[in-house]
C-alpha atoms as a PDB file:
ATOM      1  CA  MET A   1      -9.784 -33.524  77.246  1.00  0.00           C
ATOM      2  CA  LYS A   2      -8.727 -30.863  74.765  1.00  0.00           C
ATOM      3  CA  ASN A   3     -11.270 -30.167  72.061  1.00  0.00           C
ATOM      4  CA  LYS A   4     -10.159 -30.777  68.514  1.00  0.00           C
ATOM      5  CA  SER A   5      -9.629 -27.819  66.253  1.00  0.00           C
ATOM      6  CA  SER A   6     -11.943 -27.855  63.274  1.00  0.00           C
ATOM      7  CA  ILE A   7     -10.745 -26.934  59.803  1.00  0.00           C
ATOM      8  CA  LEU A   8     -12.751 -26.464  56.620  1.00  0.00           C
ATOM      9  CA  LEU A   9     -10.849 -27.553  53.526  1.00  0.00           C
ATOM     10  CA  ILE A  10     -12.121 -25.971  50.303  1.00  0.00           C
ATOM     11  CA  TYR A  11     -10.945 -27.455  47.019  1.00  0.00           C
ATOM     12  CA  THR A  12     -11.402 -25.065  44.115  1.00  0.00           C
ATOM     13  CA  GLY A  13      -9.227 -26.931  41.639  1.00  0.00           C
ATOM     14  CA  GLY A  14      -5.582 -26.954  40.673  1.00  0.00           C
ATOM     15  CA  THR A  15      -2.712 -29.404  40.372  1.00  0.00           C
ATOM     16  CA  ILE A  16      -2.715 -30.361  44.046  1.00  0.00           C
ATOM     17  CA  GLY A  17      -6.085 -32.101  43.804  1.00  0.00           C
ATOM     18  CA  MET A  18      -5.168 -34.472  40.986  1.00  0.00           C
ATOM     19  CA  VAL A  19      -4.264 -38.174  41.183  1.00  0.00           C
ATOM     20  CA  ASN A  20      -3.476 -40.824  38.595  1.00  0.00           C
ATOM     21  CA  ASP A  21      -6.294 -43.093  37.488  1.00  0.00           C
ATOM     22  CA  PRO A  22      -4.907 -46.622  38.134  1.00  0.00           C
ATOM     23  CA  LYS A  23      -6.564 -47.920  34.956  1.00  0.00           C
ATOM     24  CA  THR A  24      -5.746 -45.203  32.430  1.00  0.00           C
ATOM     25  CA  GLY A  25      -2.806 -43.443  34.085  1.00  0.00           C
ATOM     26  CA  ARG A  26      -4.466 -40.109  33.387  1.00  0.00           C
ATOM     27  CA  LEU A  27      -4.832 -37.396  35.983  1.00  0.00           C
ATOM     28  CA  GLN A  28      -8.263 -37.091  37.553  1.00  0.00           C
ATOM     29  CA  PRO A  29      -9.669 -35.056  40.484  1.00  0.00           C
ATOM     30  CA  PHE A  30      -8.965 -36.539  43.904  1.00  0.00           C
ATOM     31  CA  ASP A  31     -11.914 -37.611  46.086  1.00  0.00           C
ATOM     32  CA  PHE A  32     -11.367 -35.732  49.342  1.00  0.00           C
ATOM     33  CA  LYS A  33     -13.646 -38.164  51.162  1.00  0.00           C
ATOM     34  CA  HIS A  34     -10.573 -40.410  51.178  1.00  0.00           C
ATOM     35  CA  LEU A  35      -8.154 -37.726  52.356  1.00  0.00           C
ATOM     36  CA  ASN A  36      -6.878 -39.689  55.366  1.00  0.00           C
ATOM     37  CA  GLU A  37      -6.200 -42.715  53.179  1.00  0.00           C
ATOM     38  CA  GLN A  38      -4.097 -40.645  50.794  1.00  0.00           C
ATOM     39  CA  ILE A  39      -2.372 -38.715  53.601  1.00  0.00           C
ATOM     40  CA  PRO A  40      -2.471 -40.897  56.769  1.00  0.00           C
ATOM     41  CA  GLU A  41      -0.287 -38.370  58.626  1.00  0.00           C
ATOM     42  CA  LEU A  42      -3.353 -36.156  59.034  1.00  0.00           C
ATOM     43  CA  SER A  43      -4.900 -38.637  61.457  1.00  0.00           C
ATOM     44  CA  LYS A  44      -2.109 -37.804  63.922  1.00  0.00           C
ATOM     45  CA  PHE A  45      -3.362 -34.239  64.289  1.00  0.00           C
ATOM     46  CA  ALA A  46      -5.988 -33.417  66.904  1.00  0.00           C
ATOM     47  CA  VAL A  47      -7.941 -31.769  64.106  1.00  0.00           C
ATOM     48  CA  ARG A  48     -11.350 -32.392  62.586  1.00  0.00           C
ATOM     49  CA  ILE A  49     -11.232 -31.764  58.864  1.00  0.00           C
ATOM     50  CA  ASP A  50     -14.364 -31.246  56.802  1.00  0.00           C
ATOM     51  CA  HIS A  51     -14.233 -30.499  53.117  1.00  0.00           C
ATOM     52  CA  ILE A  52     -16.127 -28.745  50.365  1.00  0.00           C
ATOM     53  CA  THR A  53     -15.206 -29.565  46.779  1.00  0.00           C
ATOM     54  CA  PHE A  54     -16.305 -27.398  43.886  1.00  0.00           C
ATOM     55  CA  GLU A  55     -18.543 -29.504  41.664  1.00  0.00           C
ATOM     56  CA  LYS A  56     -16.483 -28.378  38.673  1.00  0.00           C
ATOM     57  CA  PRO A  57     -12.845 -27.847  39.708  1.00  0.00           C
ATOM     58  CA  ILE A  58     -11.445 -24.637  38.229  1.00  0.00           C
ATOM     59  CA  ASP A  59      -8.144 -24.365  36.419  1.00  0.00           C
ATOM     60  CA  SER A  60      -6.765 -21.267  38.101  1.00  0.00           C
ATOM     61  CA  SER A  61      -6.147 -19.629  34.719  1.00  0.00           C
ATOM     62  CA  ASN A  62      -9.948 -19.444  34.512  1.00  0.00           C
ATOM     63  CA  MET A  63     -10.308 -17.860  37.956  1.00  0.00           C
ATOM     64  CA  GLN A  64     -12.827 -15.007  38.034  1.00  0.00           C
ATOM     65  CA  PRO A  65     -13.940 -12.470  40.670  1.00  0.00           C
ATOM     66  CA  GLY A  66     -17.213 -14.383  40.954  1.00  0.00           C
ATOM     67  CA  THR A  67     -15.271 -17.267  42.486  1.00  0.00           C
ATOM     68  CA  TRP A  68     -13.652 -14.919  44.991  1.00  0.00           C
ATOM     69  CA  ILE A  69     -17.133 -13.828  46.030  1.00  0.00           C
ATOM     70  CA  ARG A  70     -18.193 -17.461  46.345  1.00  0.00           C
ATOM     71  CA  LEU A  71     -15.174 -18.234  48.544  1.00  0.00           C
ATOM     72  CA  ALA A  72     -15.804 -15.199  50.760  1.00  0.00           C
ATOM     73  CA  GLN A  73     -19.434 -16.246  51.176  1.00  0.00           C
ATOM     74  CA  LEU A  74     -18.424 -19.834  52.025  1.00  0.00           C
ATOM     75  CA  ILE A  75     -16.111 -18.526  54.732  1.00  0.00           C
ATOM     76  CA  GLU A  76     -18.818 -16.202  56.060  1.00  0.00           C
ATOM     77  CA  LYS A  77     -21.385 -19.017  56.129  1.00  0.00           C
ATOM     78  CA  ASN A  78     -19.047 -21.384  57.980  1.00  0.00           C
ATOM     79  CA  TYR A  79     -17.127 -18.849  60.054  1.00  0.00           C
ATOM     80  CA  ALA A  80     -18.652 -19.734  63.416  1.00  0.00           C
ATOM     81  CA  ARG A  81     -18.275 -23.495  62.887  1.00  0.00           C
ATOM     82  CA  TYR A  82     -14.565 -23.685  62.111  1.00  0.00           C
ATOM     83  CA  ASP A  83     -11.308 -22.510  63.653  1.00  0.00           C
ATOM     84  CA  GLY A  84      -9.584 -22.043  60.319  1.00  0.00           C
ATOM     85  CA  PHE A  85      -9.860 -22.455  56.575  1.00  0.00           C
ATOM     86  CA  VAL A  86      -7.539 -24.012  54.001  1.00  0.00           C
ATOM     87  CA  ILE A  87      -8.207 -23.282  50.333  1.00  0.00           C
ATOM     88  CA  LEU A  88      -6.644 -25.554  47.718  1.00  0.00           C
ATOM     89  CA  HIS A  89      -6.068 -23.517  44.596  1.00  0.00           C
ATOM     90  CA  GLY A  90      -4.089 -23.577  41.374  1.00  0.00           C
ATOM     91  CA  SER A  91      -0.845 -21.684  41.798  1.00  0.00           C
ATOM     92  CA  ASP A  92      -1.058 -19.520  38.665  1.00  0.00           C
ATOM     93  CA  THR A  93      -3.583 -17.039  40.080  1.00  0.00           C
ATOM     94  CA  MET A  94      -3.283 -17.882  43.772  1.00  0.00           C
ATOM     95  CA  ALA A  95      -1.729 -14.505  44.609  1.00  0.00           C
ATOM     96  CA  TYR A  96      -4.713 -12.731  43.028  1.00  0.00           C
ATOM     97  CA  THR A  97      -7.213 -14.800  45.020  1.00  0.00           C
ATOM     98  CA  ALA A  98      -5.284 -14.352  48.268  1.00  0.00           C
ATOM     99  CA  SER A  99      -5.089 -10.598  47.708  1.00  0.00           C
ATOM    100  CA  ALA A 100      -8.777 -10.312  46.827  1.00  0.00           C
ATOM    101  CA  LEU A 101      -9.897 -12.300  49.874  1.00  0.00           C
ATOM    102  CA  SER A 102      -7.727 -10.184  52.156  1.00  0.00           C
ATOM    103  CA  PHE A 103      -9.700  -7.092  51.139  1.00  0.00           C
ATOM    104  CA  MET A 104     -13.095  -8.811  51.119  1.00  0.00           C
ATOM    105  CA  LEU A 105     -12.725 -10.317  54.618  1.00  0.00           C
ATOM    106  CA  GLU A 106     -12.585  -7.274  56.882  1.00  0.00           C
ATOM    107  CA  ASN A 107     -11.794  -7.887  60.580  1.00  0.00           C
ATOM    108  CA  LEU A 108     -10.757 -11.467  59.849  1.00  0.00           C
ATOM    109  CA  GLY A 109      -9.997 -13.183  63.145  1.00  0.00           C
ATOM    110  CA  LYS A 110      -9.147 -16.669  61.901  1.00  0.00           C
ATOM    111  CA  PRO A 111      -6.564 -18.092  59.489  1.00  0.00           C
ATOM    112  CA  VAL A 112      -7.386 -18.471  55.807  1.00  0.00           C
ATOM    113  CA  ILE A 113      -4.510 -20.354  54.193  1.00  0.00           C
ATOM    114  CA  LEU A 114      -4.233 -20.823  50.441  1.00  0.00           C
ATOM    115  CA  THR A 115      -1.980 -23.573  49.166  1.00  0.00           C
ATOM    116  CA  GLY A 116      -1.434 -25.758  46.144  1.00  0.00           C
ATOM    117  CA  SER A 117       1.400 -27.578  44.456  1.00  0.00           C
ATOM    118  CA  GLN A 118       3.591 -27.800  41.395  1.00  0.00           C
ATOM    119  CA  LEU A 119       3.083 -31.580  41.124  1.00  0.00           C
ATOM    120  CA  PRO A 120      -0.192 -33.507  41.681  1.00  0.00           C
ATOM    121  CA  ILE A 121      -0.731 -34.941  45.149  1.00  0.00           C
ATOM    122  CA  GLY A 122      -0.881 -38.438  43.666  1.00  0.00           C
ATOM    123  CA  THR A 123       2.654 -38.366  42.221  1.00  0.00           C
ATOM    124  CA  ILE A 124       5.714 -39.719  44.033  1.00  0.00           C
ATOM    125  CA  ARG A 125       7.688 -36.454  44.230  1.00  0.00           C
ATOM    126  CA  THR A 126       4.716 -34.224  44.936  1.00  0.00           C
ATOM    127  CA  ASP A 127       5.165 -31.055  46.929  1.00  0.00           C
ATOM    128  CA  GLY A 128       1.432 -31.047  47.583  1.00  0.00           C
ATOM    129  CA  LYS A 129       1.541 -33.406  50.534  1.00  0.00           C
ATOM    130  CA  GLU A 130       3.765 -31.211  52.693  1.00  0.00           C
ATOM    131  CA  ASN A 131       2.017 -28.034  51.579  1.00  0.00           C
ATOM    132  CA  LEU A 132      -1.368 -29.438  52.598  1.00  0.00           C
ATOM    133  CA  ILE A 133      -0.242 -30.988  55.898  1.00  0.00           C
ATOM    134  CA  THR A 134       1.526 -27.848  57.102  1.00  0.00           C
ATOM    135  CA  SER A 135      -1.268 -25.546  55.919  1.00  0.00           C
ATOM    136  CA  ILE A 136      -3.709 -27.536  58.040  1.00  0.00           C
ATOM    137  CA  GLU A 137      -1.325 -27.453  61.002  1.00  0.00           C
ATOM    138  CA  ILE A 138      -0.978 -23.663  60.721  1.00  0.00           C
ATOM    139  CA  ALA A 139      -4.725 -23.161  60.295  1.00  0.00           C
ATOM    140  CA  ALA A 140      -5.338 -25.202  63.460  1.00  0.00           C
ATOM    141  CA  ALA A 141      -2.560 -23.614  65.538  1.00  0.00           C
ATOM    142  CA  ARG A 142      -3.642 -21.732  68.631  1.00  0.00           C
ATOM    143  CA  LYS A 143      -1.936 -19.976  71.520  1.00  0.00           C
ATOM    144  CA  LYS A 144      -3.774 -19.263  74.760  1.00  0.00           C
ATOM    145  CA  GLY A 145      -6.986 -20.309  73.045  1.00  0.00           C
ATOM    146  CA  LYS A 146      -6.637 -17.859  70.155  1.00  0.00           C
ATOM    147  CA  PRO A 147      -5.513 -18.438  66.557  1.00  0.00           C
ATOM    148  CA  ILE A 148      -1.832 -17.735  66.001  1.00  0.00           C
ATOM    149  CA  ILE A 149      -2.586 -16.456  62.504  1.00  0.00           C
ATOM    150  CA  SER A 150      -5.605 -14.275  61.760  1.00  0.00           C
ATOM    151  CA  GLU A 151      -5.143 -13.175  58.167  1.00  0.00           C
ATOM    152  CA  VAL A 152      -5.214 -14.461  54.597  1.00  0.00           C
ATOM    153  CA  CYS A 153      -1.958 -16.240  53.785  1.00  0.00           C
ATOM    154  CA  VAL A 154      -0.245 -18.314  51.134  1.00  0.00           C
ATOM    155  CA  TYR A 155       1.719 -21.363  52.277  1.00  0.00           C
ATOM    156  CA  PHE A 156       4.137 -22.894  49.797  1.00  0.00           C
ATOM    157  CA  GLU A 157       7.405 -24.836  50.094  1.00  0.00           C
ATOM    158  CA  TYR A 158       8.037 -24.385  53.828  1.00  0.00           C
ATOM    159  CA  ARG A 159       7.136 -20.689  53.861  1.00  0.00           C
ATOM    160  CA  LEU A 160       4.083 -18.786  55.064  1.00  0.00           C
ATOM    161  CA  TYR A 161       3.479 -15.469  53.317  1.00  0.00           C
ATOM    162  CA  ARG A 162       1.010 -12.640  53.761  1.00  0.00           C
ATOM    163  CA  GLY A 163      -1.378 -13.320  50.906  1.00  0.00           C
ATOM    164  CA  ASN A 164      -1.524  -9.815  49.476  1.00  0.00           C
ATOM    165  CA  ARG A 165       2.270  -9.561  49.410  1.00  0.00           C
ATOM    166  CA  THR A 166       2.882 -12.645  47.290  1.00  0.00           C
ATOM    167  CA  HIS A 167       3.818 -13.064  43.669  1.00  0.00           C
ATOM    168  CA  LYS A 168       4.293 -16.273  41.692  1.00  0.00           C
ATOM    169  CA  TRP A 169       7.787 -15.931  40.305  1.00  0.00           C
ATOM    170  CA  ASN A 170       8.659 -19.434  39.071  1.00  0.00           C
ATOM    171  CA  SER A 171       6.612 -21.926  37.069  1.00  0.00           C
ATOM    172  CA  GLU A 172       8.897 -24.922  37.621  1.00  0.00           C
ATOM    173  CA  GLN A 173      10.551 -24.733  41.037  1.00  0.00           C
ATOM    174  CA  PHE A 174       8.744 -25.928  44.150  1.00  0.00           C
ATOM    175  CA  ARG A 175       9.517 -22.542  45.657  1.00  0.00           C
ATOM    176  CA  ALA A 176       7.041 -20.889  43.316  1.00  0.00           C
ATOM    177  CA  PHE A 177       6.228 -17.782  45.366  1.00  0.00           C
ATOM    178  CA  GLN A 178       8.060 -14.784  46.709  1.00  0.00           C
ATOM    179  CA  SER A 179       7.214 -11.894  49.004  1.00  0.00           C
ATOM    180  CA  PRO A 180       9.967  -9.459  48.056  1.00  0.00           C
ATOM    181  CA  ASN A 181       8.723  -6.461  50.025  1.00  0.00           C
ATOM    182  CA  TYR A 182       7.485  -8.109  53.218  1.00  0.00           C
ATOM    183  CA  PRO A 183       9.028 -10.659  55.607  1.00  0.00           C
ATOM    184  CA  LEU A 184       7.799 -14.224  56.015  1.00  0.00           C
ATOM    185  CA  LEU A 185       5.099 -14.899  58.617  1.00  0.00           C
ATOM    186  CA  ALA A 186       6.486 -18.349  59.378  1.00  0.00           C
ATOM    187  CA  GLU A 187       9.007 -20.936  58.218  1.00  0.00           C
ATOM    188  CA  ALA A 188       8.627 -24.700  58.479  1.00  0.00           C
ATOM    189  CA  GLY A 189      11.633 -26.849  59.261  1.00  0.00           C
ATOM    190  CA  VAL A 190      12.112 -29.226  62.153  1.00  0.00           C
ATOM    191  CA  HIS A 191       9.870 -26.748  63.965  1.00  0.00           C
ATOM    192  CA  LEU A 192       7.283 -24.256  62.795  1.00  0.00           C
ATOM    193  CA  ASN A 193       8.921 -20.915  63.463  1.00  0.00           C
ATOM    194  CA  TYR A 194       6.447 -18.041  63.573  1.00  0.00           C
ATOM    195  CA  HIS A 195       7.451 -14.394  63.231  1.00  0.00           C
ATOM    196  CA  PRO A 196       4.790 -12.528  65.261  1.00  0.00           C
ATOM    197  CA  ALA A 197       6.274  -9.099  64.568  1.00  0.00           C
ATOM    198  CA  ALA A 198       5.140  -9.522  60.949  1.00  0.00           C
ATOM    199  CA  PHE A 199       1.549 -10.540  61.781  1.00  0.00           C
ATOM    200  CA  LEU A 200      -1.503  -8.385  61.220  1.00  0.00           C
ATOM    201  CA  GLU A 201      -3.056  -7.460  64.537  1.00  0.00           C
ATOM    202  CA  ASN A 202      -6.354  -9.190  65.286  1.00  0.00           C
ATOM    203  CA  SER A 203      -8.867  -6.360  65.727  1.00  0.00           C
ATOM    204  CA  GLY A 204     -11.288  -8.523  67.685  1.00  0.00           C
ATOM    205  CA  LYS A 205     -14.156  -6.962  65.742  1.00  0.00           C
ATOM    206  CA  LYS A 206     -16.927  -8.879  64.015  1.00  0.00           C
ATOM    207  CA  LEU A 207     -16.111 -10.259  60.573  1.00  0.00           C
ATOM    208  CA  LYS A 208     -17.473  -8.103  57.786  1.00  0.00           C
ATOM    209  CA  VAL A 209     -17.612  -9.661  54.323  1.00  0.00           C
ATOM    210  CA  HIS A 210     -17.639  -7.436  51.250  1.00  0.00           C
ATOM    211  CA  ASN A 211     -18.992  -9.093  48.124  1.00  0.00           C
ATOM    212  CA  LYS A 212     -19.061  -6.222  45.646  1.00  0.00           C
ATOM    213  CA  LEU A 213     -16.202  -6.025  43.177  1.00  0.00           C
ATOM    214  CA  ASP A 214     -15.889  -3.853  40.085  1.00  0.00           C
ATOM    215  CA  THR A 215     -13.775  -5.317  37.289  1.00  0.00           C
ATOM    216  CA  GLY A 216     -13.292  -2.015  35.455  1.00  0.00           C
ATOM    217  CA  VAL A 217      -9.525  -2.239  35.948  1.00  0.00           C
ATOM    218  CA  ALA A 218      -6.784  -2.373  33.305  1.00  0.00           C
ATOM    219  CA  ILE A 219      -2.992  -2.689  33.369  1.00  0.00           C
ATOM    220  CA  LEU A 220      -0.743  -0.546  31.181  1.00  0.00           C
ATOM    221  CA  LYS A 221       2.819  -1.859  31.235  1.00  0.00           C
ATOM    222  CA  LEU A 222       5.331   0.608  29.889  1.00  0.00           C
ATOM    223  CA  PHE A 223       8.198  -0.373  27.592  1.00  0.00           C
ATOM    224  CA  PRO A 224      10.616   1.523  25.365  1.00  0.00           C
ATOM    225  CA  GLY A 225       8.826   2.203  22.111  1.00  0.00           C
ATOM    226  CA  ILE A 226       5.266   2.037  23.419  1.00  0.00           C
ATOM    227  CA  THR A 227       3.053   3.928  20.988  1.00  0.00           C
ATOM    228  CA  GLU A 228       0.532   6.663  21.493  1.00  0.00           C
ATOM    229  CA  ALA A 229      -2.140   4.421  19.968  1.00  0.00           C
ATOM    230  CA  VAL A 230      -1.545   1.683  22.546  1.00  0.00           C
ATOM    231  CA  VAL A 231      -1.640   4.104  25.477  1.00  0.00           C
ATOM    232  CA  TYR A 232      -4.864   5.738  24.298  1.00  0.00           C
ATOM    233  CA  ALA A 233      -6.423   2.326  23.583  1.00  0.00           C
ATOM    234  CA  VAL A 234      -5.919   1.215  27.188  1.00  0.00           C
ATOM    235  CA  LEU A 235      -6.862   4.520  28.804  1.00  0.00           C
ATOM    236  CA  GLY A 236      -9.963   4.809  26.633  1.00  0.00           C
ATOM    237  CA  ALA A 237     -11.120   1.200  26.762  1.00  0.00           C
ATOM    238  CA  LYS A 238     -14.845   0.787  27.352  1.00  0.00           C
ATOM    239  CA  GLY A 239     -15.771   0.282  31.004  1.00  0.00           C
ATOM    240  CA  VAL A 240     -12.316   1.051  32.390  1.00  0.00           C
ATOM    241  CA  LYS A 241     -12.446   3.105  35.590  1.00  0.00           C
ATOM    242  CA  ALA A 242      -8.926   2.537  36.882  1.00  0.00           C
ATOM    243  CA  VAL A 243      -5.591   1.842  35.208  1.00  0.00           C
ATOM    244  CA  ILE A 244      -2.524   0.367  36.874  1.00  0.00           C
ATOM    245  CA  LEU A 245       0.535   1.958  35.312  1.00  0.00           C
ATOM    246  CA  GLU A 246       3.510  -0.404  35.546  1.00  0.00           C
ATOM    247  CA  THR A 247       6.483   1.940  35.376  1.00  0.00           C
ATOM    248  CA  PHE A 248      10.258   1.617  35.432  1.00  0.00           C
ATOM    249  CA  GLY A 249      12.405   1.520  38.574  1.00  0.00           C
ATOM    250  CA  SER A 250      11.062   3.633  41.424  1.00  0.00           C
ATOM    251  CA  GLY A 251       8.057   4.833  39.435  1.00  0.00           C
ATOM    252  CA  ASN A 252       9.591   6.474  36.403  1.00  0.00           C
ATOM    253  CA  ALA A 253       7.914   6.954  33.033  1.00  0.00           C
ATOM    254  CA  SER A 254       8.396   8.755  29.749  1.00  0.00           C
ATOM    255  CA  THR A 255       8.252  12.534  29.914  1.00  0.00           C
ATOM    256  CA  GLU A 256       7.208  12.895  26.277  1.00  0.00           C
ATOM    257  CA  SER A 257       4.457  15.460  25.965  1.00  0.00           C
ATOM    258  CA  TRP A 258       1.981  13.139  24.216  1.00  0.00           C
ATOM    259  CA  PHE A 259       2.314  10.576  27.007  1.00  0.00           C
ATOM    260  CA  ILE A 260       1.811  13.016  29.870  1.00  0.00           C
ATOM    261  CA  ARG A 261      -1.071  14.610  27.962  1.00  0.00           C
ATOM    262  CA  ALA A 262      -2.773  11.214  27.511  1.00  0.00           C
ATOM    263  CA  LEU A 263      -2.558  10.457  31.232  1.00  0.00           C
ATOM    264  CA  GLU A 264      -3.723  13.944  32.211  1.00  0.00           C
ATOM    265  CA  LYS A 265      -6.776  13.696  29.946  1.00  0.00           C
ATOM    266  CA  ALA A 266      -7.660  10.332  31.502  1.00  0.00           C
ATOM    267  CA  VAL A 267      -7.342  11.699  35.036  1.00  0.00           C
ATOM    268  CA  ARG A 268      -9.582  14.646  34.134  1.00  0.00           C
ATOM    269  CA  ARG A 269     -12.201  12.181  32.826  1.00  0.00           C
ATOM    270  CA  GLY A 270     -12.220  10.544  36.246  1.00  0.00           C
ATOM    271  CA  ILE A 271      -9.973   7.574  35.476  1.00  0.00           C
ATOM    272  CA  ILE A 272      -7.917   6.544  38.505  1.00  0.00           C
ATOM    273  CA  ILE A 273      -4.292   5.869  37.573  1.00  0.00           C
ATOM    274  CA  LEU A 274      -2.092   3.979  40.035  1.00  0.00           C
ATOM    275  CA  ASN A 275       1.681   3.920  39.589  1.00  0.00           C
ATOM    276  CA  ILE A 276       3.450   0.684  40.578  1.00  0.00           C
ATOM    277  CA  THR A 277       6.899  -0.568  39.661  1.00  0.00           C
ATOM    278  CA  GLN A 278       7.671  -3.305  37.164  1.00  0.00           C
ATOM    279  CA  CYS A 279      10.539  -4.406  39.420  1.00  0.00           C
ATOM    280  CA  ASN A 280      10.063  -7.543  41.498  1.00  0.00           C
ATOM    281  CA  ALA A 281      11.144  -5.682  44.630  1.00  0.00           C
ATOM    282  CA  GLY A 282      11.234  -2.098  45.780  1.00  0.00           C
ATOM    283  CA  SER A 283       8.802   0.771  45.840  1.00  0.00           C
ATOM    284  CA  VAL A 284       7.436   3.625  43.775  1.00  0.00           C
ATOM    285  CA  ILE A 285       8.630   6.969  45.112  1.00  0.00           C
ATOM    286  CA  GLN A 286       6.983   9.642  42.997  1.00  0.00           C
ATOM    287  CA  GLY A 287       8.961  12.849  42.795  1.00  0.00           C
ATOM    288  CA  ARG A 288      12.387  11.308  43.318  1.00  0.00           C
ATOM    289  CA  TYR A 289      13.219  11.980  39.667  1.00  0.00           C
ATOM    290  CA  GLU A 290      11.793  14.324  37.058  1.00  0.00           C
ATOM    291  CA  THR A 291      10.477  11.245  35.221  1.00  0.00           C
ATOM    292  CA  SER A 292       8.026  10.581  38.054  1.00  0.00           C
ATOM    293  CA  SER A 293       7.363  14.083  39.396  1.00  0.00           C
ATOM    294  CA  GLN A 294       5.223  14.901  36.360  1.00  0.00           C
ATOM    295  CA  LEU A 295       3.007  11.894  37.136  1.00  0.00           C
ATOM    296  CA  GLN A 296       2.478  13.224  40.634  1.00  0.00           C
ATOM    297  CA  ARG A 297       1.680  16.689  39.291  1.00  0.00           C
ATOM    298  CA  ILE A 298      -1.144  15.467  37.021  1.00  0.00           C
ATOM    299  CA  GLY A 299      -2.820  13.348  39.715  1.00  0.00           C
ATOM    300  CA  VAL A 300      -1.401   9.850  39.245  1.00  0.00           C
ATOM    301  CA  ALA A 301      -1.474   7.989  42.577  1.00  0.00           C
ATOM    302  CA  GLY A 302       1.679   6.348  43.918  1.00  0.00           C
ATOM    303  CA  GLY A 303       1.297   2.638  44.661  1.00  0.00           C
ATOM    304  CA  GLY A 304       4.277   2.279  46.983  1.00  0.00           C
ATOM    305  CA  ASP A 305       5.478  -1.318  47.185  1.00  0.00           C
ATOM    306  CA  MET A 306       2.201  -3.031  46.289  1.00  0.00           C
ATOM    307  CA  THR A 307       2.346  -6.062  44.034  1.00  0.00           C
ATOM    308  CA  THR A 308       0.435  -6.014  40.770  1.00  0.00           C
ATOM    309  CA  GLU A 309      -1.893  -8.659  42.208  1.00  0.00           C
ATOM    310  CA  ALA A 310      -2.666  -6.531  45.261  1.00  0.00           C
ATOM    311  CA  ALA A 311      -3.104  -3.392  43.149  1.00  0.00           C
ATOM    312  CA  VAL A 312      -5.577  -5.073  40.783  1.00  0.00           C
ATOM    313  CA  THR A 313      -7.717  -6.571  43.524  1.00  0.00           C
ATOM    314  CA  LYS A 314      -7.555  -3.512  45.790  1.00  0.00           C
ATOM    315  CA  LEU A 315      -8.893  -1.346  42.979  1.00  0.00           C
ATOM    316  CA  MET A 316     -11.640  -3.867  42.166  1.00  0.00           C
ATOM    317  CA  PHE A 317     -12.551  -3.859  45.855  1.00  0.00           C
ATOM    318  CA  LEU A 318     -12.529  -0.072  46.276  1.00  0.00           C
ATOM    319  CA  LEU A 319     -14.460   0.567  43.062  1.00  0.00           C
ATOM    320  CA  GLY A 320     -17.087  -1.821  44.394  1.00  0.00           C
ATOM    321  CA  GLN A 321     -17.331   0.008  47.728  1.00  0.00           C
ATOM    322  CA  THR A 322     -17.588   3.680  46.862  1.00  0.00           C
ATOM    323  CA  LYS A 323     -18.177   6.170  44.060  1.00  0.00           C
ATOM    324  CA  ASP A 324     -16.626   8.971  46.118  1.00  0.00           C
ATOM    325  CA  ARG A 325     -13.324   9.630  44.346  1.00  0.00           C
ATOM    326  CA  LYS A 326     -11.691  11.450  47.261  1.00  0.00           C
ATOM    327  CA  LYS A 327     -12.581   8.650  49.659  1.00  0.00           C
ATOM    328  CA  LEU A 328     -11.359   6.039  47.202  1.00  0.00           C
ATOM    329  CA  MET A 329      -8.032   7.824  46.727  1.00  0.00           C
ATOM    330  CA  ARG A 330      -7.555   8.062  50.502  1.00  0.00           C
ATOM    331  CA  MET A 331      -8.222   4.342  50.903  1.00  0.00           C
ATOM    332  CA  LEU A 332      -5.967   3.544  47.954  1.00  0.00           C
ATOM    333  CA  ALA A 333      -3.094   5.338  49.694  1.00  0.00           C
ATOM    334  CA  SER A 334      -3.840   3.592  53.004  1.00  0.00           C
ATOM    335  CA  SER A 335      -2.816   0.154  54.197  1.00  0.00           C
ATOM    336  CA  LEU A 336      -6.141  -1.668  54.508  1.00  0.00           C
ATOM    337  CA  ARG A 337      -4.843  -5.212  55.136  1.00  0.00           C
ATOM    338  CA  GLY A 338      -1.089  -4.788  55.298  1.00  0.00           C
ATOM    339  CA  GLU A 339      -0.720  -4.734  51.506  1.00  0.00           C
ATOM    340  CA  ILE A 340       1.483  -1.633  51.392  1.00  0.00           C
ATOM    341  CA  SER A 341       4.318  -0.285  53.541  1.00  0.00           C
ATOM    342  CA  LEU A 342       3.673   3.186  54.933  1.00  0.00           C
END
């Protein structure tokens, strides 16, 4: 008899875990002890599902790096006991959490699927039911005894994305996420269609969990009319060690002397500046135009096609791992977990 796959379901908070109180009609956290009663379809899977519920569910707008560390440690603690992990999470910061976990879980050999919903699981038109069922199915899926997926992913509205390539683009549609610079890992229709060519290769090495993050990261989004005072305020903010520069188009920025001078001074002080595009899709190509070649000249790093979410969490991760600037810059330019196209 085939052994059941075992999945650990971790509920951090978010819309998906809410149901209506029959007495008051108000939304309240769902008791996952009664998961099979709420979603009887799960009993048809040859899957054992255990759950951990945060004692105080977190609205994802309040998500902090400390919770990412807690999640990474939960996965590490339970890694040998389960075939896969499904994390229920509010959608607003899901892409940040997925990106952070991808960096923190080095040599991941099992699926970690983040999902959520736009409507509570207890409402009639909820998208949460399908998102949860299919996430569990993907987390339990195996081929020749090995997990089909062995990376951190986001599953939402019939699509499986690489976690560190996702971006929440819509607050109202069920299709809330996009991965504009990387193909889907799988699509769910009548069948689950996987796209193995897009998968991260399973290294087969032992899982290594990194739990040091440095939050000394800021974002400076450029816009026509940005003032010298604003730029200096961000670059000189207390505790900031790295600044993500959100530029125009393929990495272009103002060539005004005061602006270039401000960036150059920051770089000389040891501030890491990473250039990523404000566009939803496409890549930074420093040096294509004069408006980006000056950034390259003064030591601003090109972020390629990384999302803002991946850039923020990658810098937090790298700042927590090393104080060697040259090493950090090499790792920043490298694809650590498939977060950037090279």
